[in-house]
Amino acid sequence: MSCQTARDHKPAAFDRCLAGISLGLLTLLVAAPLAAQEFTAEGFRVTAAAGREVIVLASDAGSLAVAQPEVARFAAQSYETASQRIHVVAFEGETFRAATPLDGPWSRIVFDPSRRTFVPLLPSIRIELNEGVQIDAVAAALDATGVTIFESLGFAIVELPEELHPADAVEQVVNIFGQSGASVRLRGPEIEWR
């Protein structure tokens, strides 16, 4: 019996139907435990950062669809208010919230499940220097605003134009050049020098 039919015939059945819908929506917001390698869900991007996987949250107009918990085992949503973008992630029975500006580089954040926190993305990516990496070609393809090579450390930092999201840049590097050693960079805690 559908909710429409239940409403027409039996008020108690309609109430049960509404309760079922409410329970279903609540289930979307409460997530079951998640292993570190299971961050996959349609509508969400997962990328590498500092040797771990992070969930990329919306940074432009519109909203990410809520992940189905049986697929992703977490739930996340981003939505806009008049002056901010609000991000809500349900993970391992806890709900985490963050607010970002509506646009600009500081609107770009990820959720780091291993640390249970939101972290802003830097407007650059890190590329591991290995055989076959043509850092000049990568920089040209990304329309980079700068490149710093740390040859002795084995990586380069590619500064991105403001309109290019770091997760998109990583995908381009992987798709165009086949370089799996590209990753986004996270803003670290500010250091107070004495």
Protein backbone atom coordinates (compact mmCIF):
# COMPACT_ATOMS: atom_id res chain seq x y z
CA MET A 1 0.00 0.00 0.00
CA SER A 2 1.49 3.36 -0.99
CA CYS A 3 1.61 6.38 1.33
CA GLN A 4 -1.03 8.09 -0.85
CA THR A 5 -3.40 5.11 -0.52
CA ALA A 6 -2.73 4.83 3.21
CA ARG A 7 -3.56 8.51 3.72
CA ASP A 8 -6.84 8.16 1.86
CA HIS A 9 -7.98 5.11 3.83
CA LYS A 10 -6.28 4.78 7.20
CA PRO A 11 -4.64 7.63 9.15
CA ALA A 12 -2.61 5.16 11.27
CA ALA A 13 -1.09 3.58 8.14
CA PHE A 14 -0.17 7.04 6.86
CA ASP A 15 1.55 7.83 10.18
CA ARG A 16 3.54 4.58 9.91
CA CYS A 17 4.51 5.48 6.35
CA LEU A 18 5.73 8.94 7.47
CA ALA A 19 7.63 7.34 10.33
CA GLY A 20 9.32 5.01 7.82
CA ILE A 21 10.31 7.91 5.60
CA SER A 22 11.67 9.84 8.61
CA LEU A 23 13.66 6.79 9.72
CA GLY A 24 15.06 6.43 6.21
CA LEU A 25 16.21 10.05 6.17
CA LEU A 26 17.76 9.68 9.62
CA THR A 27 19.63 6.60 8.38
CA LEU A 28 21.22 8.74 5.68
CA LEU A 29 22.63 11.08 8.31
CA VAL A 30 23.97 8.46 10.70
CA ALA A 31 26.81 6.42 9.35
CA ALA A 32 28.09 2.97 10.26
CA PRO A 33 31.82 2.48 10.99
CA LEU A 34 34.08 2.84 7.98
CA ALA A 35 37.42 1.27 7.13
CA ALA A 36 40.02 3.66 5.69
CA GLN A 37 39.96 2.08 2.23
CA GLU A 38 36.17 2.25 1.75
CA PHE A 39 35.73 5.93 0.88
CA THR A 40 33.82 5.50 -2.33
CA ALA A 41 30.36 6.73 -3.18
CA GLU A 42 28.68 8.14 -6.22
CA GLY A 43 28.67 11.92 -6.00
CA PHE A 44 31.77 12.11 -3.81
CA ARG A 45 35.40 12.33 -4.77
CA VAL A 46 38.12 10.78 -2.72
CA THR A 47 41.68 11.91 -3.23
CA ALA A 48 45.08 11.38 -1.68
CA ALA A 49 46.62 13.92 0.66
CA ALA A 50 49.70 13.43 2.83
CA GLY A 51 49.59 9.67 2.38
CA ARG A 52 45.93 9.15 3.32
CA GLU A 53 42.53 9.37 1.66
CA VAL A 54 40.31 12.41 2.19
CA ILE A 55 36.74 13.17 1.07
CA VAL A 56 36.45 16.22 -1.22
CA LEU A 57 33.47 18.40 -0.29
CA ALA A 58 31.52 20.77 -2.56
CA SER A 59 33.15 24.10 -3.28
CA ASP A 60 30.85 25.56 -5.91
CA ALA A 61 27.17 26.26 -6.39
CA GLY A 62 24.88 23.35 -5.76
CA SER A 63 25.01 20.54 -3.29
CA LEU A 64 26.52 17.09 -3.19
CA ALA A 65 23.97 14.32 -3.03
CA VAL A 66 23.81 12.52 0.28
CA ALA A 67 25.74 9.26 0.01
CA GLN A 68 23.81 6.06 0.53
CA PRO A 69 25.20 4.51 3.74
CA GLU A 70 25.05 0.96 2.42
CA VAL A 71 27.40 2.04 -0.37
CA ALA A 72 29.66 4.53 1.33
CA ARG A 73 29.15 3.86 5.05
CA PHE A 74 29.32 7.62 5.66
CA ALA A 75 27.02 10.50 4.81
CA ALA A 76 27.93 14.01 3.72
CA GLN A 77 26.12 17.04 2.44
CA SER A 78 27.08 20.57 1.45
CA TYR A 79 24.55 23.37 1.11
CA GLU A 80 24.55 27.15 0.84
CA THR A 81 23.18 29.88 3.06
CA ALA A 82 23.16 33.56 2.10
CA SER A 83 26.83 34.02 3.03
CA GLN A 84 28.43 30.59 3.60
CA ARG A 85 28.60 27.00 2.42
CA ILE A 86 27.82 24.56 5.22
CA HIS A 87 29.33 21.06 5.18
CA VAL A 88 27.94 18.23 7.31
CA VAL A 89 29.59 14.80 7.53
CA ALA A 90 28.27 11.87 9.56
CA PHE A 91 31.02 9.37 10.29
CA GLU A 92 31.22 6.55 12.84
CA GLY A 93 28.19 7.81 14.75
CA GLU A 94 29.39 11.40 15.02
CA THR A 95 28.33 14.45 13.03
CA PHE A 96 30.93 17.01 11.98
CA ARG A 97 30.14 20.49 10.63
CA ALA A 98 32.17 23.21 8.97
CA ALA A 99 31.45 26.49 7.19
CA THR A 100 33.43 27.98 4.31
CA PRO A 101 33.14 31.07 2.12
CA LEU A 102 30.93 30.63 -0.95
CA ASP A 103 33.81 31.03 -3.39
CA GLY A 104 37.53 31.49 -3.71
CA PRO A 105 40.36 29.16 -2.75
CA TRP A 106 39.34 29.04 0.93
CA SER A 107 35.98 27.54 -0.02
CA ARG A 108 37.81 24.30 -0.85
CA ILE A 109 37.97 21.79 1.97
CA VAL A 110 38.15 18.06 2.56
CA PHE A 111 37.08 15.84 5.43
CA ASP A 112 39.94 13.76 6.81
CA PRO A 113 38.36 10.63 8.36
CA SER A 114 41.61 9.45 9.94
CA ARG A 115 41.82 12.69 11.95
CA ARG A 116 38.04 13.30 12.11
CA THR A 117 38.35 16.88 11.00
CA PHE A 118 37.83 19.27 8.09
CA VAL A 119 40.98 20.64 6.48
CA PRO A 120 41.29 23.49 3.94
CA LEU A 121 43.07 22.72 0.68
CA LEU A 122 46.07 24.74 -0.42
CA PRO A 123 45.86 26.15 -3.98
CA SER A 124 48.62 23.81 -5.16
CA ILE A 125 49.36 20.12 -5.67
CA ARG A 126 52.35 17.91 -4.93
CA ILE A 127 53.84 15.74 -7.64
CA GLU A 128 56.32 12.99 -6.90
CA LEU A 129 59.39 13.21 -9.13
CA ASN A 130 60.00 9.83 -10.69
CA GLU A 131 61.23 8.63 -14.05
CA GLY A 132 59.15 9.98 -16.87
CA VAL A 133 57.71 12.94 -14.98
CA GLN A 134 57.87 15.99 -17.20
CA ILE A 135 57.08 18.68 -14.65
CA ASP A 136 57.18 21.47 -17.28
CA ALA A 137 54.54 19.68 -19.37
CA VAL A 138 52.38 19.11 -16.28
CA ALA A 139 52.68 22.79 -15.32
CA ALA A 140 51.76 23.89 -18.85
CA ALA A 141 48.73 21.56 -18.99
CA LEU A 142 47.46 22.92 -15.66
CA ASP A 143 48.23 26.54 -16.59
CA ALA A 144 50.28 26.66 -13.37
CA THR A 145 51.22 29.99 -11.87
CA GLY A 146 54.44 28.60 -10.44
CA VAL A 147 56.48 25.46 -9.82
CA THR A 148 58.93 24.74 -7.04
CA ILE A 149 61.07 21.64 -7.47
CA PHE A 150 62.59 19.96 -4.44
CA GLU A 151 64.85 17.59 -6.35
CA SER A 152 66.72 16.24 -3.32
CA LEU A 153 63.38 15.48 -1.61
CA GLY A 154 61.88 13.94 -4.75
CA PHE A 155 58.80 16.10 -5.32
CA ALA A 156 57.56 19.34 -6.86
CA ILE A 157 54.87 21.79 -5.77
CA VAL A 158 52.73 23.13 -8.61
CA GLU A 159 50.86 26.38 -7.86
CA LEU A 160 47.41 26.38 -9.48
CA PRO A 161 45.37 29.17 -11.03
CA GLU A 162 42.55 30.34 -8.73
CA GLU A 163 39.78 28.81 -10.84
CA LEU A 164 41.27 25.27 -10.83
CA HIS A 165 40.26 23.05 -7.89
CA PRO A 166 43.24 21.02 -6.57
CA ALA A 167 41.28 17.73 -6.81
CA ASP A 168 40.52 18.49 -10.47
CA ALA A 169 44.21 19.20 -11.06
CA VAL A 170 45.20 15.83 -9.55
CA GLU A 171 42.65 14.06 -11.79
CA GLN A 172 44.05 15.87 -14.85
CA VAL A 173 47.60 14.84 -14.00
CA VAL A 174 46.55 11.22 -13.57
CA ASN A 175 44.37 11.15 -16.72
CA ILE A 176 46.68 13.07 -19.06
CA PHE A 177 50.10 11.98 -17.86
CA GLY A 178 49.35 8.72 -16.04
CA GLN A 179 51.08 10.09 -12.94
CA SER A 180 49.67 8.47 -9.82
CA GLY A 181 52.12 10.40 -7.64
CA ALA A 182 50.02 13.58 -7.64
CA SER A 183 48.17 14.63 -4.49
CA VAL A 184 46.37 17.63 -3.02
CA ARG A 185 48.02 19.62 -0.26
CA LEU A 186 46.35 20.34 3.06
CA ARG A 187 46.75 23.51 5.09
CA GLY A 188 48.68 22.60 8.22
CA PRO A 189 48.34 24.12 11.65
CA GLU A 190 49.89 27.55 11.99
CA ILE A 191 53.22 27.46 13.78
CA GLU A 192 53.89 30.02 16.46
CA TRP A 193 57.58 30.91 16.44
CA ARG A 194 59.17 32.15 19.64
